[in-house]
């Protein structure tokens, strides 16, 4: 899935909305994810946020981009009726 810069701003707004944060940047979200051990999660504001791991994706200019995958669940994913609310790659470095 290619990354698109206009979409990244919408992703940032969605993550902020899910986690009840106010205007946190993608760089700060990425730092938050990196501090969660890979394939582990933390409870935050009645949700569970997971670091699903590191991945290389192709951006719109066909360059690879290093990302961490954030996954937001309504309860721990080990629960049989848990639901993934949002999952998206968050770039480690952004072009300004």
C-alpha atoms as a PDB file:
ATOM      1  CA  UNK A   1       0.000   0.000   0.000  1.00  0.00           C
ATOM      2  CA  UNK A   2       1.646   3.278  -1.068  1.00  0.00           C
ATOM      3  CA  UNK A   3       1.802   6.119   1.430  1.00  0.00           C
ATOM      4  CA  UNK A   4       0.261   9.385   0.352  1.00  0.00           C
ATOM      5  CA  UNK A   5       1.097  12.650   2.098  1.00  0.00           C
ATOM      6  CA  UNK A   6      -2.469  14.070   2.087  1.00  0.00           C
ATOM      7  CA  UNK A   7      -3.692  10.803   3.590  1.00  0.00           C
ATOM      8  CA  UNK A   8      -1.066  10.930   6.341  1.00  0.00           C
ATOM      9  CA  UNK A   9      -2.681  14.058   7.792  1.00  0.00           C
ATOM     10  CA  UNK A  10      -6.050  12.296   7.863  1.00  0.00           C
ATOM     11  CA  UNK A  11      -4.416   9.295   9.536  1.00  0.00           C
ATOM     12  CA  UNK A  12      -2.913  11.574  12.183  1.00  0.00           C
ATOM     13  CA  UNK A  13      -6.336  13.096  12.856  1.00  0.00           C
ATOM     14  CA  UNK A  14      -7.921   9.635  13.105  1.00  0.00           C
ATOM     15  CA  UNK A  15      -5.309   8.358  15.561  1.00  0.00           C
ATOM     16  CA  UNK A  16      -5.681  11.517  17.666  1.00  0.00           C
ATOM     17  CA  UNK A  17      -9.447  11.071  17.640  1.00  0.00           C
ATOM     18  CA  UNK A  18      -9.359   7.388  18.655  1.00  0.00           C
ATOM     19  CA  UNK A  19      -6.908   8.018  21.490  1.00  0.00           C
ATOM     20  CA  UNK A  20      -8.529  11.283  22.657  1.00  0.00           C
ATOM     21  CA  UNK A  21      -5.341  13.195  21.972  1.00  0.00           C
ATOM     22  CA  UNK A  22      -5.223  16.787  20.857  1.00  0.00           C
ATOM     23  CA  UNK A  23      -3.046  17.530  17.835  1.00  0.00           C
ATOM     24  CA  UNK A  24      -0.204  15.052  18.419  1.00  0.00           C
ATOM     25  CA  UNK A  25       2.145  14.972  15.392  1.00  0.00           C
ATOM     26  CA  UNK A  26       2.920  11.842  13.363  1.00  0.00           C
ATOM     27  CA  UNK A  27       6.523  12.022  14.593  1.00  0.00           C
ATOM     28  CA  UNK A  28       5.305  11.897  18.213  1.00  0.00           C
ATOM     29  CA  UNK A  29       2.895   9.069  17.390  1.00  0.00           C
ATOM     30  CA  UNK A  30       5.791   7.151  15.831  1.00  0.00           C
ATOM     31  CA  UNK A  31       7.933   7.701  18.963  1.00  0.00           C
ATOM     32  CA  UNK A  32       5.037   6.417  21.073  1.00  0.00           C
ATOM     33  CA  UNK A  33       4.703   3.267  18.949  1.00  0.00           C
ATOM     34  CA  UNK A  34       8.448   2.556  18.986  1.00  0.00           C
ATOM     35  CA  UNK A  35       8.363   2.560  22.802  1.00  0.00           C
ATOM     36  CA  UNK A  36       5.846  -0.302  22.765  1.00  0.00           C
ATOM     37  CA  UNK A  37       7.685  -3.633  22.346  1.00  0.00           C
ATOM     38  CA  UNK A  38       7.075  -5.102  18.898  1.00  0.00           C
ATOM     39  CA  UNK A  39       3.936  -7.293  18.731  1.00  0.00           C
ATOM     40  CA  UNK A  40       2.868  -6.018  22.160  1.00  0.00           C
ATOM     41  CA  UNK A  41       0.196  -3.609  23.279  1.00  0.00           C
ATOM     42  CA  UNK A  42      -0.611  -1.054  25.944  1.00  0.00           C
ATOM     43  CA  UNK A  43      -3.973   0.018  27.346  1.00  0.00           C
ATOM     44  CA  UNK A  44      -4.789   3.652  26.739  1.00  0.00           C
ATOM     45  CA  UNK A  45      -8.126   5.453  27.143  1.00  0.00           C
ATOM     46  CA  UNK A  46     -10.157   2.199  27.222  1.00  0.00           C
ATOM     47  CA  UNK A  47      -8.461   0.951  24.033  1.00  0.00           C
ATOM     48  CA  UNK A  48      -5.454  -1.254  23.391  1.00  0.00           C
ATOM     49  CA  UNK A  49      -2.708   0.124  21.141  1.00  0.00           C
ATOM     50  CA  UNK A  50      -0.301  -2.346  19.516  1.00  0.00           C
ATOM     51  CA  UNK A  51       3.037  -2.023  17.780  1.00  0.00           C
ATOM     52  CA  UNK A  52       2.557  -4.539  14.959  1.00  0.00           C
ATOM     53  CA  UNK A  53       6.139  -4.228  13.790  1.00  0.00           C
ATOM     54  CA  UNK A  54       8.476  -2.603  11.323  1.00  0.00           C
ATOM     55  CA  UNK A  55       7.805  -2.620   7.575  1.00  0.00           C
ATOM     56  CA  UNK A  56       9.242  -1.079   4.403  1.00  0.00           C
ATOM     57  CA  UNK A  57       6.550   0.446   2.174  1.00  0.00           C
ATOM     58  CA  UNK A  58       6.641   2.187  -1.174  1.00  0.00           C
ATOM     59  CA  UNK A  59       5.603   5.834  -1.168  1.00  0.00           C
ATOM     60  CA  UNK A  60       3.931   7.758  -4.002  1.00  0.00           C
ATOM     61  CA  UNK A  61       7.302   8.463  -5.630  1.00  0.00           C
ATOM     62  CA  UNK A  62       8.191   4.743  -5.622  1.00  0.00           C
ATOM     63  CA  UNK A  63      10.774   5.122  -2.878  1.00  0.00           C
ATOM     64  CA  UNK A  64      10.820   2.819   0.086  1.00  0.00           C
ATOM     65  CA  UNK A  65       9.808   4.275   3.391  1.00  0.00           C
ATOM     66  CA  UNK A  66      10.436   2.850   6.848  1.00  0.00           C
ATOM     67  CA  UNK A  67       7.290   2.557   8.949  1.00  0.00           C
ATOM     68  CA  UNK A  68       5.915   1.094  12.148  1.00  0.00           C
ATOM     69  CA  UNK A  69       2.403  -0.318  12.078  1.00  0.00           C
ATOM     70  CA  UNK A  70       0.030   1.022  14.727  1.00  0.00           C
ATOM     71  CA  UNK A  71      -3.037  -1.050  15.509  1.00  0.00           C
ATOM     72  CA  UNK A  72      -5.859   0.213  17.752  1.00  0.00           C
ATOM     73  CA  UNK A  73      -8.277  -2.321  19.246  1.00  0.00           C
ATOM     74  CA  UNK A  74     -11.375  -1.938  21.403  1.00  0.00           C
ATOM     75  CA  UNK A  75      -9.976  -4.566  23.826  1.00  0.00           C
ATOM     76  CA  UNK A  76      -6.903  -6.803  23.931  1.00  0.00           C
ATOM     77  CA  UNK A  77      -6.742  -8.730  20.640  1.00  0.00           C
ATOM     78  CA  UNK A  78      -6.459 -11.991  22.584  1.00  0.00           C
ATOM     79  CA  UNK A  79     -10.150 -11.635  23.474  1.00  0.00           C
ATOM     80  CA  UNK A  80     -12.341 -13.561  21.055  1.00  0.00           C
ATOM     81  CA  UNK A  81     -14.764 -10.659  20.448  1.00  0.00           C
ATOM     82  CA  UNK A  82     -12.178  -7.871  20.236  1.00  0.00           C
ATOM     83  CA  UNK A  83     -12.373  -5.601  17.210  1.00  0.00           C
ATOM     84  CA  UNK A  84      -9.580  -3.810  15.336  1.00  0.00           C
ATOM     85  CA  UNK A  85     -10.733  -0.206  15.054  1.00  0.00           C
ATOM     86  CA  UNK A  86      -7.797   1.190  13.100  1.00  0.00           C
ATOM     87  CA  UNK A  87      -4.492  -0.014  11.675  1.00  0.00           C
ATOM     88  CA  UNK A  88      -2.063   2.033   9.618  1.00  0.00           C
ATOM     89  CA  UNK A  89       1.664   2.367   8.863  1.00  0.00           C
ATOM     90  CA  UNK A  90       3.262   5.378  10.531  1.00  0.00           C
ATOM     91  CA  UNK A  91       6.431   6.613   8.788  1.00  0.00           C
ATOM     92  CA  UNK A  92       9.604   6.924  10.839  1.00  0.00           C
ATOM     93  CA  UNK A  93      10.764   9.970   8.841  1.00  0.00           C
ATOM     94  CA  UNK A  94       8.555  12.452   7.073  1.00  0.00           C
ATOM     95  CA  UNK A  95       9.357  14.762   4.191  1.00  0.00           C
ATOM     96  CA  UNK A  96       8.318  18.299   4.923  1.00  0.00           C
END
